[in-house]
PDB file of N, CA and C in Angstrom:
ATOM      1  N   MET A   1     123.874 129.936  99.572  1.00  0.00           N
ATOM      2  CA  MET A   1     123.174 128.838  99.043  1.00  0.00           C
ATOM      3  C   MET A   1     122.762 127.876 100.134  1.00  0.00           C
ATOM      4  N   GLU A   2     121.438 127.532 100.198  1.00  0.00           N
ATOM      5  CA  GLU A   2     120.941 126.575 101.126  1.00  0.00           C
ATOM      6  C   GLU A   2     121.214 125.198 100.631  1.00  0.00           C
ATOM      7  N   SER A   3     121.474 124.205 101.576  1.00  0.00           N
ATOM      8  CA  SER A   3     121.797 122.880 101.088  1.00  0.00           C
ATOM      9  C   SER A   3     120.488 122.080 100.864  1.00  0.00           C
ATOM     10  N   GLU A   4     119.352 122.528 101.401  1.00  0.00           N
ATOM     11  CA  GLU A   4     118.062 121.813 101.215  1.00  0.00           C
ATOM     12  C   GLU A   4     116.901 122.854 101.317  1.00  0.00           C
ATOM     13  N   ILE A   5     115.811 122.378 100.745  1.00  0.00           N
ATOM     14  CA  ILE A   5     114.524 123.116 100.783  1.00  0.00           C
ATOM     15  C   ILE A   5     113.516 122.139 101.265  1.00  0.00           C
ATOM     16  N   ILE A   6     112.609 122.623 102.110  1.00  0.00           N
ATOM     17  CA  ILE A   6     111.601 121.855 102.769  1.00  0.00           C
ATOM     18  C   ILE A   6     110.225 122.223 102.182  1.00  0.00           C
ATOM     19  N   PHE A   7     109.456 121.141 101.814  1.00  0.00           N
ATOM     20  CA  PHE A   7     108.042 121.369 101.340  1.00  0.00           C
ATOM     21  C   PHE A   7     107.078 120.692 102.281  1.00  0.00           C
ATOM     22  N   TYR A   8     106.007 121.352 102.536  1.00  0.00           N
ATOM     23  CA  TYR A   8     104.943 120.936 103.400  1.00  0.00           C
ATOM     24  C   TYR A   8     103.822 120.412 102.384  1.00  0.00           C
ATOM     25  N   ILE A   9     103.482 119.128 102.447  1.00  0.00           N
ATOM     26  CA  ILE A   9     102.566 118.510 101.489  1.00  0.00           C
ATOM     27  C   ILE A   9     101.284 118.085 102.244  1.00  0.00           C
ATOM     28  N   GLU A  10     100.173 118.420 101.611  1.00  0.00           N
ATOM     29  CA  GLU A  10      98.885 117.949 102.149  1.00  0.00           C
ATOM     30  C   GLU A  10      97.926 117.690 101.072  1.00  0.00           C
ATOM     31  N   GLU A  11      96.890 116.885 101.339  1.00  0.00           N
ATOM     32  CA  GLU A  11      95.862 116.605 100.338  1.00  0.00           C
ATOM     33  C   GLU A  11      94.962 117.853 100.160  1.00  0.00           C
ATOM     34  N   SER A  12      94.690 118.131  98.906  1.00  0.00           N
ATOM     35  CA  SER A  12      93.842 119.277  98.568  1.00  0.00           C
ATOM     36  C   SER A  12      92.380 118.962  98.772  1.00  0.00           C
ATOM     37  N   ALA A  13      91.659 120.010  99.220  1.00  0.00           N
ATOM     38  CA  ALA A  13      90.223 119.835  99.447  1.00  0.00           C
ATOM     39  C   ALA A  13      89.474 119.455  98.140  1.00  0.00           C
ATOM     40  N   GLU A  14      90.024 119.894  97.024  1.00  0.00           N
ATOM     41  CA  GLU A  14      89.426 119.592  95.738  1.00  0.00           C
ATOM     42  C   GLU A  14      89.944 118.293  95.085  1.00  0.00           C
ATOM     43  N   GLY A  15      90.776 117.627  95.781  1.00  0.00           N
ATOM     44  CA  GLY A  15      91.419 116.402  95.274  1.00  0.00           C
ATOM     45  C   GLY A  15      92.814 116.669  94.830  1.00  0.00           C
ATOM     46  N   GLY A  16      93.629 115.637  94.870  1.00  0.00           N
ATOM     47  CA  GLY A  16      95.038 115.814  94.535  1.00  0.00           C
ATOM     48  C   GLY A  16      95.876 116.306  95.755  1.00  0.00           C
ATOM     49  N   PHE A  17      96.998 116.882  95.516  1.00  0.00           N
ATOM     50  CA  PHE A  17      97.928 117.255  96.548  1.00  0.00           C
ATOM     51  C   PHE A  17      98.424 118.698  96.312  1.00  0.00           C
ATOM     52  N   GLU A  18      98.769 119.413  97.391  1.00  0.00           N
ATOM     53  CA  GLU A  18      99.376 120.707  97.297  1.00  0.00           C
ATOM     54  C   GLU A  18     100.675 120.705  98.062  1.00  0.00           C
ATOM     55  N   ALA A  19     101.635 121.498  97.588  1.00  0.00           N
ATOM     56  CA  ALA A  19     102.995 121.527  98.239  1.00  0.00           C
ATOM     57  C   ALA A  19     103.356 122.988  98.318  1.00  0.00           C
ATOM     58  N   LYS A  20     103.832 123.378  99.592  1.00  0.00           N
ATOM     59  CA  LYS A  20     104.195 124.723  99.875  1.00  0.00           C
ATOM     60  C   LYS A  20     105.668 124.672 100.366  1.00  0.00           C
ATOM     61  N   ALA A  21     106.576 125.463  99.861  1.00  0.00           N
ATOM     62  CA  ALA A  21     107.947 125.542 100.377  1.00  0.00           C
ATOM     63  C   ALA A  21     107.980 126.372 101.638  1.00  0.00           C
ATOM     64  N   LEU A  22     108.694 125.972 102.608  1.00  0.00           N
ATOM     65  CA  LEU A  22     108.802 126.752 103.818  1.00  0.00           C
ATOM     66  C   LEU A  22     109.959 127.766 103.679  1.00  0.00           C
ATOM     67  N   GLY A  23     109.660 129.024 103.848  1.00  0.00           N
ATOM     68  CA  GLY A  23     110.657 130.041 103.759  1.00  0.00           C
ATOM     69  C   GLY A  23     110.850 130.564 102.361  1.00  0.00           C
ATOM     70  N   HIS A  24     110.095 130.081 101.375  1.00  0.00           N
ATOM     71  CA  HIS A  24     110.223 130.526  99.965  1.00  0.00           C
ATOM     72  C   HIS A  24     108.840 130.646  99.370  1.00  0.00           C
ATOM     73  N   SER A  25     108.633 131.500  98.442  1.00  0.00           N
ATOM     74  CA  SER A  25     107.336 131.654  97.798  1.00  0.00           C
ATOM     75  C   SER A  25     107.135 130.654  96.592  1.00  0.00           C
ATOM     76  N   ILE A  26     107.169 129.404  96.943  1.00  0.00           N
ATOM     77  CA  ILE A  26     106.983 128.347  95.893  1.00  0.00           C
ATOM     78  C   ILE A  26     105.714 127.516  96.376  1.00  0.00           C
ATOM     79  N   PHE A  27     104.800 127.341  95.420  1.00  0.00           N
ATOM     80  CA  PHE A  27     103.616 126.561  95.642  1.00  0.00           C
ATOM     81  C   PHE A  27     103.345 125.782  94.357  1.00  0.00           C
ATOM     82  N   THR A  28     102.985 124.491  94.492  1.00  0.00           N
ATOM     83  CA  THR A  28     102.583 123.758  93.322  1.00  0.00           C
ATOM     84  C   THR A  28     101.579 122.717  93.731  1.00  0.00           C
ATOM     85  N   GLU A  29     100.849 122.166  92.792  1.00  0.00           N
ATOM     86  CA  GLU A  29      99.839 121.132  93.044  1.00  0.00           C
ATOM     87  C   GLU A  29      99.833 120.088  91.932  1.00  0.00           C
ATOM     88  N   ALA A  30      99.282 118.952  92.209  1.00  0.00           N
ATOM     89  CA  ALA A  30      99.130 117.905  91.198  1.00  0.00           C
ATOM     90  C   ALA A  30      98.112 116.836  91.634  1.00  0.00           C
ATOM     91  N   GLU A  31      97.647 116.135  90.701  1.00  0.00           N
ATOM     92  CA  GLU A  31      96.613 115.142  90.941  1.00  0.00           C
ATOM     93  C   GLU A  31      97.156 113.842  91.702  1.00  0.00           C
ATOM     94  N   THR A  32      98.341 113.433  91.409  1.00  0.00           N
ATOM     95  CA  THR A  32      98.905 112.271  92.059  1.00  0.00           C
ATOM     96  C   THR A  32     100.191 112.651  92.826  1.00  0.00           C
ATOM     97  N   TYR A  33     100.543 111.808  93.770  1.00  0.00           N
ATOM     98  CA  TYR A  33     101.718 112.127  94.525  1.00  0.00           C
ATOM     99  C   TYR A  33     103.001 112.027  93.677  1.00  0.00           C
ATOM    100  N   GLU A  34     103.044 111.098  92.768  1.00  0.00           N
ATOM    101  CA  GLU A  34     104.189 110.955  91.790  1.00  0.00           C
ATOM    102  C   GLU A  34     104.290 112.147  90.919  1.00  0.00           C
ATOM    103  N   GLU A  35     103.206 112.663  90.480  1.00  0.00           N
ATOM    104  CA  GLU A  35     103.218 113.843  89.620  1.00  0.00           C
ATOM    105  C   GLU A  35     103.686 115.031  90.452  1.00  0.00           C
ATOM    106  N   LEU A  36     103.320 115.090  91.726  1.00  0.00           N
ATOM    107  CA  LEU A  36     103.676 116.214  92.589  1.00  0.00           C
ATOM    108  C   LEU A  36     105.183 116.269  92.792  1.00  0.00           C
ATOM    109  N   TRP A  37     105.892 115.130  92.869  1.00  0.00           N
ATOM    110  CA  TRP A  37     107.323 115.094  92.953  1.00  0.00           C
ATOM    111  C   TRP A  37     107.962 115.882  91.758  1.00  0.00           C
ATOM    112  N   GLN A  38     107.389 115.515  90.513  1.00  0.00           N
ATOM    113  CA  GLN A  38     107.941 116.194  89.323  1.00  0.00           C
ATOM    114  C   GLN A  38     107.661 117.699  89.330  1.00  0.00           C
ATOM    115  N   MET A  39     106.470 118.081  89.807  1.00  0.00           N
ATOM    116  CA  MET A  39     106.102 119.474  89.825  1.00  0.00           C
ATOM    117  C   MET A  39     106.920 120.189  90.818  1.00  0.00           C
ATOM    118  N   ILE A  40     107.237 119.605  91.947  1.00  0.00           N
ATOM    119  CA  ILE A  40     108.118 120.243  92.957  1.00  0.00           C
ATOM    120  C   ILE A  40     109.563 120.455  92.400  1.00  0.00           C
ATOM    121  N   GLU A  41     110.043 119.385  91.794  1.00  0.00           N
ATOM    122  CA  GLU A  41     111.431 119.563  91.198  1.00  0.00           C
ATOM    123  C   GLU A  41     111.452 120.629  90.137  1.00  0.00           C
ATOM    124  N   ASN A  42     110.429 120.690  89.246  1.00  0.00           N
ATOM    125  CA  ASN A  42     110.370 121.738  88.237  1.00  0.00           C
ATOM    126  C   ASN A  42     110.288 123.135  88.891  1.00  0.00           C
ATOM    127  N   ALA A  43     109.438 123.218  89.905  1.00  0.00           N
ATOM    128  CA  ALA A  43     109.280 124.545  90.612  1.00  0.00           C
ATOM    129  C   ALA A  43     110.573 124.995  91.238  1.00  0.00           C
ATOM    130  N   VAL A  44     111.311 124.104  91.854  1.00  0.00           N
ATOM    131  CA  VAL A  44     112.653 124.506  92.433  1.00  0.00           C
ATOM    132  C   VAL A  44     113.626 124.865  91.312  1.00  0.00           C
ATOM    133  N   ARG A  45     113.691 124.141  90.282  1.00  0.00           N
ATOM    134  CA  ARG A  45     114.558 124.520  89.157  1.00  0.00           C
ATOM    135  C   ARG A  45     114.197 125.887  88.645  1.00  0.00           C
ATOM    136  N   CYS A  46     112.960 126.238  88.497  1.00  0.00           N
ATOM    137  CA  CYS A  46     112.548 127.491  87.924  1.00  0.00           C
ATOM    138  C   CYS A  46     112.769 128.637  89.033  1.00  0.00           C
ATOM    139  N   HIS A  47     112.673 128.386  90.238  1.00  0.00           N
ATOM    140  CA  HIS A  47     112.770 129.413  91.331  1.00  0.00           C
ATOM    141  C   HIS A  47     114.231 129.866  91.562  1.00  0.00           C
ATOM    142  N   PHE A  48     115.141 128.897  91.508  1.00  0.00           N
ATOM    143  CA  PHE A  48     116.555 129.188  91.822  1.00  0.00           C
ATOM    144  C   PHE A  48     117.422 129.113  90.548  1.00  0.00           C
ATOM    145  N   ASP A  49     118.464 129.984  90.570  1.00  0.00           N
ATOM    146  CA  ASP A  49     119.493 129.894  89.564  1.00  0.00           C
ATOM    147  C   ASP A  49     120.236 128.573  89.854  1.00  0.00           C
ATOM    148  N   GLU A  50     120.888 128.037  88.862  1.00  0.00           N
ATOM    149  CA  GLU A  50     121.651 126.792  89.029  1.00  0.00           C
ATOM    150  C   GLU A  50     122.705 126.906  90.116  1.00  0.00           C
ATOM    151  N   ASP A  51     123.370 128.027  90.257  1.00  0.00           N
ATOM    152  CA  ASP A  51     124.403 128.187  91.263  1.00  0.00           C
ATOM    153  C   ASP A  51     123.807 128.262  92.673  1.00  0.00           C
ATOM    154  N   ASN A  52     122.554 128.640  92.839  1.00  0.00           N
ATOM    155  CA  ASN A  52     121.957 128.898  94.149  1.00  0.00           C
ATOM    156  C   ASN A  52     120.944 127.846  94.500  1.00  0.00           C
ATOM    157  N   ARG A  53     120.790 126.837  93.693  1.00  0.00           N
ATOM    158  CA  ARG A  53     119.755 125.797  93.902  1.00  0.00           C
ATOM    159  C   ARG A  53     120.106 124.853  95.036  1.00  0.00           C
ATOM    160  N   PRO A  54     119.211 124.567  95.922  1.00  0.00           N
ATOM    161  CA  PRO A  54     119.477 123.647  96.970  1.00  0.00           C
ATOM    162  C   PRO A  54     119.760 122.191  96.432  1.00  0.00           C
ATOM    163  N   HIS A  55     120.539 121.496  97.111  1.00  0.00           N
ATOM    164  CA  HIS A  55     120.881 120.134  96.620  1.00  0.00           C
ATOM    165  C   HIS A  55     119.943 119.105  97.050  1.00  0.00           C
ATOM    166  N   LEU A  56     119.151 119.322  98.061  1.00  0.00           N
ATOM    167  CA  LEU A  56     118.188 118.331  98.577  1.00  0.00           C
ATOM    168  C   LEU A  56     116.783 119.038  98.610  1.00  0.00           C
ATOM    169  N   ILE A  57     115.779 118.240  98.389  1.00  0.00           N
ATOM    170  CA  ILE A  57     114.365 118.615  98.569  1.00  0.00           C
ATOM    171  C   ILE A  57     113.821 117.701  99.544  1.00  0.00           C
ATOM    172  N   ARG A  58     113.413 118.202 100.694  1.00  0.00           N
ATOM    173  CA  ARG A  58     112.860 117.380 101.763  1.00  0.00           C
ATOM    174  C   ARG A  58     111.309 117.594 101.802  1.00  0.00           C
ATOM    175  N   LEU A  59     110.567 116.496 101.775  1.00  0.00           N
ATOM    176  CA  LEU A  59     109.123 116.565 101.780  1.00  0.00           C
ATOM    177  C   LEU A  59     108.520 116.103 103.055  1.00  0.00           C
ATOM    178  N   TYR A  60     107.594 116.920 103.658  1.00  0.00           N
ATOM    179  CA  TYR A  60     106.922 116.505 104.831  1.00  0.00           C
ATOM    180  C   TYR A  60     105.433 116.401 104.424  1.00  0.00           C
ATOM    181  N   TYR A  61     104.948 115.131 104.395  1.00  0.00           N
ATOM    182  CA  TYR A  61     103.583 114.890 104.073  1.00  0.00           C
ATOM    183  C   TYR A  61     102.703 114.838 105.289  1.00  0.00           C
ATOM    184  N   VAL A  62     101.757 115.680 105.337  1.00  0.00           N
ATOM    185  CA  VAL A  62     100.852 115.778 106.479  1.00  0.00           C
ATOM    186  C   VAL A  62      99.452 115.294 106.100  1.00  0.00           C
ATOM    187  N   LYS A  63      98.944 114.389 106.766  1.00  0.00           N
ATOM    188  CA  LYS A  63      97.594 113.899 106.448  1.00  0.00           C
ATOM    189  C   LYS A  63      96.773 114.025 107.766  1.00  0.00           C
ATOM    190  N   GLU A  64      95.754 114.863 107.656  1.00  0.00           N
ATOM    191  CA  GLU A  64      94.882 115.093 108.755  1.00  0.00           C
ATOM    192  C   GLU A  64      93.759 114.024 108.764  1.00  0.00           C
ATOM    193  N   GLU A  65      93.553 113.403 109.915  1.00  0.00           N
ATOM    194  CA  GLU A  65      92.490 112.445 110.074  1.00  0.00           C
ATOM    195  C   GLU A  65      91.727 112.755 111.367  1.00  0.00           C
ATOM    196  N   VAL A  66      90.489 112.562 111.403  1.00  0.00           N
ATOM    197  CA  VAL A  66      89.707 112.862 112.543  1.00  0.00           C
ATOM    198  C   VAL A  66      88.904 111.612 112.987  1.00  0.00           C
ATOM    199  N   ILE A  67      88.993 111.289 114.302  1.00  0.00           N
ATOM    200  CA  ILE A  67      88.294 110.159 114.815  1.00  0.00           C
ATOM    201  C   ILE A  67      87.119 110.702 115.730  1.00  0.00           C
ATOM    202  N   ALA A  68      85.945 110.466 115.295  1.00  0.00           N
ATOM    203  CA  ALA A  68      84.795 110.954 116.070  1.00  0.00           C
ATOM    204  C   ALA A  68      84.404 109.905 117.129  1.00  0.00           C
ATOM    205  N   LEU A  69      84.219 110.402 118.347  1.00  0.00           N
ATOM    206  CA  LEU A  69      83.856 109.520 119.466  1.00  0.00           C
ATOM    207  C   LEU A  69      82.346 109.665 119.845  1.00  0.00           C
TER     208      LEU A  69
END
């Protein structure tokens, strides 16, 4: 059992947010960041049995910005 699972979060090109688990086949998306938290928690609960579920979910939010010179 892993003690934590890490999600990479970024803004979706269509609007909203996308979250991908590192090392696991878990992907979810939502319109708001608050809704995304709930979607991630639900996805983790569905993906893992209760005995094998990580105790922590770590979120890495990446926002790409470009400065033109």
